[in-house]
């Protein structure tokens, strides 16, 4: 029977999947996609806070709007000036 090297397996698993981290994709500072969200905690024109399995992600800026919300993702548009991660 052949032994399986666990370090070899872990090197092929994406870090975001392994640690339940959100995937965050910015388009400049005008739009952001958050995959892996579990809900919107706060929604105002100057702050949007998104809950994920691993952390809360807050986006600060001006004229922030939720363009799309699904069961696992959120798209925020506006003028994003700051991003904050809280565990």
C-alpha atoms as a PDB file:
ATOM      1  CA  UNK A   1       0.000   0.000   0.000  1.00  0.00           C
ATOM      2  CA  UNK A   2       1.339   3.408  -0.989  1.00  0.00           C
ATOM      3  CA  UNK A   3       1.628   6.162   1.618  1.00  0.00           C
ATOM      4  CA  UNK A   4       0.003   9.528   0.844  1.00  0.00           C
ATOM      5  CA  UNK A   5       2.070  12.610   1.575  1.00  0.00           C
ATOM      6  CA  UNK A   6      -0.348  15.086   3.236  1.00  0.00           C
ATOM      7  CA  UNK A   7       1.846  18.107   2.507  1.00  0.00           C
ATOM      8  CA  UNK A   8       1.550  17.264  -1.181  1.00  0.00           C
ATOM      9  CA  UNK A   9      -2.261  17.274  -0.986  1.00  0.00           C
ATOM     10  CA  UNK A  10      -2.405  20.600   0.879  1.00  0.00           C
ATOM     11  CA  UNK A  11      -0.246  22.303  -1.751  1.00  0.00           C
ATOM     12  CA  UNK A  12      -2.963  21.681  -4.359  1.00  0.00           C
ATOM     13  CA  UNK A  13      -5.883  23.004  -2.297  1.00  0.00           C
ATOM     14  CA  UNK A  14      -6.512  26.762  -2.661  1.00  0.00           C
ATOM     15  CA  UNK A  15      -5.857  28.680   0.563  1.00  0.00           C
ATOM     16  CA  UNK A  16      -9.263  30.404   0.476  1.00  0.00           C
ATOM     17  CA  UNK A  17     -11.031  27.046   0.321  1.00  0.00           C
ATOM     18  CA  UNK A  18      -8.861  25.431   2.988  1.00  0.00           C
ATOM     19  CA  UNK A  19      -9.457  28.197   5.573  1.00  0.00           C
ATOM     20  CA  UNK A  20     -12.991  29.301   4.518  1.00  0.00           C
ATOM     21  CA  UNK A  21     -11.667  32.712   3.507  1.00  0.00           C
ATOM     22  CA  UNK A  22     -13.697  35.037   1.303  1.00  0.00           C
ATOM     23  CA  UNK A  23     -12.541  35.788  -2.220  1.00  0.00           C
ATOM     24  CA  UNK A  24     -12.479  39.551  -2.776  1.00  0.00           C
ATOM     25  CA  UNK A  25     -12.008  40.991  -6.248  1.00  0.00           C
ATOM     26  CA  UNK A  26     -11.599  44.730  -6.774  1.00  0.00           C
ATOM     27  CA  UNK A  27     -12.179  46.571 -10.020  1.00  0.00           C
ATOM     28  CA  UNK A  28     -10.107  49.634  -9.277  1.00  0.00           C
ATOM     29  CA  UNK A  29     -11.681  51.471  -6.373  1.00  0.00           C
ATOM     30  CA  UNK A  30     -15.142  51.592  -7.995  1.00  0.00           C
ATOM     31  CA  UNK A  31     -16.457  48.060  -7.535  1.00  0.00           C
ATOM     32  CA  UNK A  32     -15.781  45.015  -5.367  1.00  0.00           C
ATOM     33  CA  UNK A  33     -17.026  41.429  -5.517  1.00  0.00           C
ATOM     34  CA  UNK A  34     -17.091  39.459  -2.249  1.00  0.00           C
ATOM     35  CA  UNK A  35     -17.559  35.707  -2.733  1.00  0.00           C
ATOM     36  CA  UNK A  36     -18.210  33.654   0.375  1.00  0.00           C
ATOM     37  CA  UNK A  37     -20.477  36.144   2.128  1.00  0.00           C
ATOM     38  CA  UNK A  38     -23.022  34.936   4.651  1.00  0.00           C
ATOM     39  CA  UNK A  39     -24.937  38.202   4.960  1.00  0.00           C
ATOM     40  CA  UNK A  40     -24.926  41.986   4.954  1.00  0.00           C
ATOM     41  CA  UNK A  41     -24.483  43.400   8.453  1.00  0.00           C
ATOM     42  CA  UNK A  42     -24.613  47.122   7.653  1.00  0.00           C
ATOM     43  CA  UNK A  43     -25.585  48.992   4.520  1.00  0.00           C
ATOM     44  CA  UNK A  44     -25.229  52.755   4.284  1.00  0.00           C
ATOM     45  CA  UNK A  45     -23.954  55.093   1.587  1.00  0.00           C
ATOM     46  CA  UNK A  46     -20.603  55.472   3.395  1.00  0.00           C
ATOM     47  CA  UNK A  47     -20.095  51.961   4.857  1.00  0.00           C
ATOM     48  CA  UNK A  48     -21.027  48.408   3.907  1.00  0.00           C
ATOM     49  CA  UNK A  49     -20.148  45.566   6.280  1.00  0.00           C
ATOM     50  CA  UNK A  50     -20.255  41.995   4.970  1.00  0.00           C
ATOM     51  CA  UNK A  51     -20.172  38.894   7.151  1.00  0.00           C
ATOM     52  CA  UNK A  52     -18.212  35.838   5.994  1.00  0.00           C
ATOM     53  CA  UNK A  53     -17.424  32.525   7.677  1.00  0.00           C
ATOM     54  CA  UNK A  54     -13.966  33.697   8.741  1.00  0.00           C
ATOM     55  CA  UNK A  55     -14.299  37.463   9.247  1.00  0.00           C
ATOM     56  CA  UNK A  56     -16.270  40.656   8.792  1.00  0.00           C
ATOM     57  CA  UNK A  57     -15.184  42.831   5.862  1.00  0.00           C
ATOM     58  CA  UNK A  58     -16.069  46.537   5.918  1.00  0.00           C
ATOM     59  CA  UNK A  59     -15.889  48.830   2.902  1.00  0.00           C
ATOM     60  CA  UNK A  60     -15.818  52.599   3.424  1.00  0.00           C
ATOM     61  CA  UNK A  61     -16.339  55.263   0.802  1.00  0.00           C
ATOM     62  CA  UNK A  62     -18.927  57.459  -0.917  1.00  0.00           C
ATOM     63  CA  UNK A  63     -22.121  56.574  -2.766  1.00  0.00           C
ATOM     64  CA  UNK A  64     -21.783  52.867  -1.938  1.00  0.00           C
ATOM     65  CA  UNK A  65     -24.582  50.690  -3.306  1.00  0.00           C
ATOM     66  CA  UNK A  66     -25.270  46.969  -3.397  1.00  0.00           C
ATOM     67  CA  UNK A  67     -25.449  46.081  -7.078  1.00  0.00           C
ATOM     68  CA  UNK A  68     -26.099  42.372  -6.599  1.00  0.00           C
ATOM     69  CA  UNK A  69     -26.725  40.051  -3.660  1.00  0.00           C
ATOM     70  CA  UNK A  70     -26.814  36.257  -3.912  1.00  0.00           C
ATOM     71  CA  UNK A  71     -26.629  33.477  -1.343  1.00  0.00           C
ATOM     72  CA  UNK A  72     -22.825  33.448  -1.534  1.00  0.00           C
ATOM     73  CA  UNK A  73     -21.768  36.755  -3.041  1.00  0.00           C
ATOM     74  CA  UNK A  74     -22.180  40.521  -2.987  1.00  0.00           C
ATOM     75  CA  UNK A  75     -21.184  43.205  -5.484  1.00  0.00           C
ATOM     76  CA  UNK A  76     -20.647  46.705  -4.082  1.00  0.00           C
ATOM     77  CA  UNK A  77     -20.146  49.741  -6.281  1.00  0.00           C
ATOM     78  CA  UNK A  78     -19.269  53.330  -5.510  1.00  0.00           C
ATOM     79  CA  UNK A  79     -16.087  55.153  -4.565  1.00  0.00           C
ATOM     80  CA  UNK A  80     -14.229  52.809  -2.169  1.00  0.00           C
ATOM     81  CA  UNK A  81     -11.632  54.528   0.012  1.00  0.00           C
ATOM     82  CA  UNK A  82     -10.881  51.959   2.723  1.00  0.00           C
ATOM     83  CA  UNK A  83     -11.255  48.236   3.400  1.00  0.00           C
ATOM     84  CA  UNK A  84     -11.167  46.789   6.913  1.00  0.00           C
ATOM     85  CA  UNK A  85     -10.972  43.144   8.022  1.00  0.00           C
ATOM     86  CA  UNK A  86     -12.167  42.133  11.493  1.00  0.00           C
ATOM     87  CA  UNK A  87     -11.932  38.614  12.892  1.00  0.00           C
END
